[in-house]
Amino acid sequence: MNSFLNLQYETVMEDLGDDYSDRVSAASFPEHTLRFRGDRLLPLINLNPQNVSDDDFIEAFGLFQGVRPFLALRYHGYQFGEYNPFLGDGRGFLYGQVRGIDGQLYDFGTKGSGRTPYSRTADGRLTLKGGVREVLAAETLHQLGVKTSRCLSLIETGEALWRGDEPSPTRSSVMVRFSLSHIRFGTFERLHYLQRPDLIRKLLDRVIEIYYSHIPPTQAKYSQFYQELVQRIAILAAQWMAAGFCHGVLNTDNMSITGESFDYGPYAFIPTYNPRFTAAYFDYGGLYCYAQQPGICKLNLERLQAPLAMVMEKSDLAAGLEQFEDYYYDEYYRLMANKLGFKTLPRPQAQELVWQTVKVLEATQIGYHGFFSELRESFSHYWRKDVNEIFKNASFILEPWETWRKLYYQLLSDFPAEEMENIKTHLQSQNPKTALLRPVIESVWEPITQEDNWQPFYDLLEKIWARK
């Protein structure tokens, strides 16, 4: 009795009909070795990890003994500013949709499961390194409080793949992503391209019904949906920026209609505060660099207005987007103040502290994650009594930090002495010592590729989960 095959799958996407997806089959693979199992997700779908075997994962997500039709979703998208009408699920499909114990509907979406009608000249496969990187990204972002998809499983599949961006031949895998939805901005853009307002309305009604169910079914529901989507995306962008995360490829087909972060390819965490830091080696102009992310998210929301304007008023769309910056900065200042130890801080003080912090981080090029980790480790109650105690024994030079130190000292002085322990505890909860920088990823990948040694990978995950 396979636990996954006996789940109560729902047919929300399937019930929309054949205008949004194609029924596909999974590829057959020569080998099936389970490399990662998302046990921390199983209780959310009412499964006890102890009752789910490795063979259950392999049968369901390697051999693909599914219980529903597999659906390759159709979509278009703006890719690096150019509209592409030849997209769609090219190496994955919607495996199934399951209701969680929290009442939310969740997707099981594959990556690397074989060719579909949208594969074009590609092989529909996922490299093992790509799968490892996505597992690490999703778990790290989740622990940092970013709204993100996660990985349910990663199975090595025994094929040799040739890639231009990895030493080849390289190993193959199939991954299952666990997320709220795989409906993208590009799903609606395709329907605008086809001039099908009827299909836009049908899809939008279903999106609101399932993922925005708190919105009442009135004439204002479309405008309320868009306003909330703007808020969700603005908050997501703030979460990325505070986490020091650069997604790398913010095309509209990589933007979820639920405001969830997903589809991690050439992502990277910034080593130092560099607004021009670019994660994707092929982003030659730095369009999706670190500092551009909020602006690109707003631009993608503006592009989404074209299909939505076929079923709602343009004035409502414009009004909804006007609030993007307010939503973004409110969340960014709050999150950064949290990283600096202050659970609550009035907006003016938070703004000043954050920009002073960013200013010195950029000027000195101290490690972005290392600074917050050292703040966590060095913080002392004495900082409230003497400004010279702040970072007294720090590994970096303090001369350019005088303005920052005086401001931080003043803010600490405004709090009662008994609040210092709470600030210390908050610093520890908000700033894990392990940062998922590129050398860290390579340090766990090398034993895998050289010795098939997966223990460093599992050890790194334990550190991420323990926030150490």
Foldseek 3Di string as FASTA:
>chain_A
DQPVQPADFDCLVVVLDDPWWDFDDFDAFPDWAWQDAPQVCQVQLPDHPVPHDPVSCCVCFVVNPADDTWIWTAFWWQFPNRTGRLATLAQKTFRTWHQTPVRAIKTWMKAQRAGDPRNVPHTSWDFLLQVLVQQVVQLLLVLLVAFAKHWRTKIWGPDFDDDPVDPGRTTTIMTIIIHRDLDFLRSLVNCLVVVNLVSVVSVVVSCCVRQVVVQDPDPCSLLVLLLVQLLLQLLNLLSCLLLQKQQQIPMRSQHDSNSHHDDRGQIFRDFFDDQQAHRDPPPVVSCRGSVCRLVVSLVSSVVSVSSVVSPDPPVSSVVSSVCNVVSNLVNNLCLNVLLLQDNDDPPVLSVVLVVLVSVVRVVVVHTPLVVSVVSLVQDDLCLLVDLCSRCVVPPDDCVVCPVNSVSSNVVSVVDDSVCSVSSSVSSLSNRQPDDPGPVLSVVQVVCCVPPVDNVSSVVVSVSSVVSD
